[in-house]
Amino acid sequence: MVRSLVGAGNGCAILNMQPQTKISYCGSELVVLPTSDPLPPLNLAIGYDKSQPRKLVKYFCRCMC
């Protein structure tokens, strides 16, 4: 979503990751600039209702976690 909004000219973003392509999802060009300081690796988290997880969420967590 961030890449699409930025690519459409609706602002800018600073992310601690480098995209695989230099094209946004809406087709506009992205500009990737390196940071001068090393950053910690990106941490991803999964949030869901453990008392009633959807089947897709249960499958994803079982396979990826």
Protein backbone atom coordinates (compact mmCIF):
# COMPACT_ATOMS: atom_id res chain seq x y z
CA MET A 1 0.00 0.00 0.00
CA VAL A 2 2.82 2.39 0.87
CA ARG A 3 4.53 1.82 -2.48
CA SER A 4 1.27 2.40 -4.39
CA LEU A 5 0.49 5.64 -2.55
CA VAL A 6 4.02 6.97 -2.97
CA GLY A 7 4.14 5.87 -6.60
CA ALA A 8 0.88 7.72 -7.25
CA GLY A 9 2.42 10.92 -5.87
CA ASN A 10 0.62 10.86 -2.52
CA GLY A 11 3.60 11.46 -0.28
CA CYS A 12 6.88 9.77 0.50
CA ALA A 13 8.05 6.95 2.76
CA ILE A 14 11.17 5.88 4.60
CA LEU A 15 11.26 2.10 5.00
CA ASN A 16 14.04 -0.09 6.36
CA MET A 17 13.83 -2.48 3.43
CA GLN A 18 14.76 -2.36 -0.22
CA PRO A 19 12.10 -3.36 -2.74
CA GLN A 20 12.85 -6.09 -5.29
CA THR A 21 11.83 -3.74 -8.12
CA LYS A 22 12.04 -0.01 -8.75
CA ILE A 23 8.45 0.12 -9.99
CA SER A 24 5.46 0.68 -7.70
CA TYR A 25 2.38 -1.51 -7.86
CA CYS A 26 0.60 1.23 -9.81
CA GLY A 27 3.44 1.36 -12.37
CA SER A 28 5.27 4.53 -11.29
CA GLU A 29 9.04 4.57 -10.73
CA LEU A 30 10.42 4.41 -7.19
CA VAL A 31 13.67 6.01 -6.05
CA VAL A 32 15.71 3.89 -3.64
CA LEU A 33 18.34 5.68 -1.56
CA PRO A 34 20.62 3.87 0.91
CA THR A 35 20.76 5.00 4.53
CA SER A 36 24.10 6.09 5.93
CA ASP A 37 23.74 4.12 9.18
CA PRO A 38 23.24 0.36 9.42
CA LEU A 39 19.73 -0.54 10.53
CA PRO A 40 18.52 -3.58 12.46
CA PRO A 41 16.81 -6.27 10.39
CA LEU A 42 13.10 -6.00 9.72
CA ASN A 43 10.91 -7.87 12.21
CA LEU A 44 7.57 -9.20 10.98
CA ALA A 45 4.71 -10.21 13.26
CA ILE A 46 1.42 -11.99 12.82
CA GLY A 47 -1.64 -10.70 14.63
CA TYR A 48 -4.86 -12.70 14.79
CA ASP A 49 -7.62 -13.84 17.13
CA LYS A 50 -6.24 -17.06 18.63
CA SER A 51 -9.66 -18.03 19.98
CA GLN A 52 -11.25 -18.05 16.50
CA PRO A 53 -8.54 -18.04 13.80
CA ARG A 54 -9.67 -18.36 10.19
CA LYS A 55 -8.64 -21.56 8.39
CA LEU A 56 -6.27 -19.64 6.15
CA VAL A 57 -4.57 -18.03 9.16
CA LYS A 58 -4.17 -21.42 10.90
CA TYR A 59 -2.65 -22.92 7.74
CA PHE A 60 -0.28 -19.98 7.25
CA CYS A 61 0.91 -20.09 10.88
CA ARG A 62 1.38 -23.85 10.76
CA CYS A 63 3.48 -23.63 7.57
CA MET A 64 5.45 -20.41 8.17
CA CYS A 65 5.93 -20.08 11.93
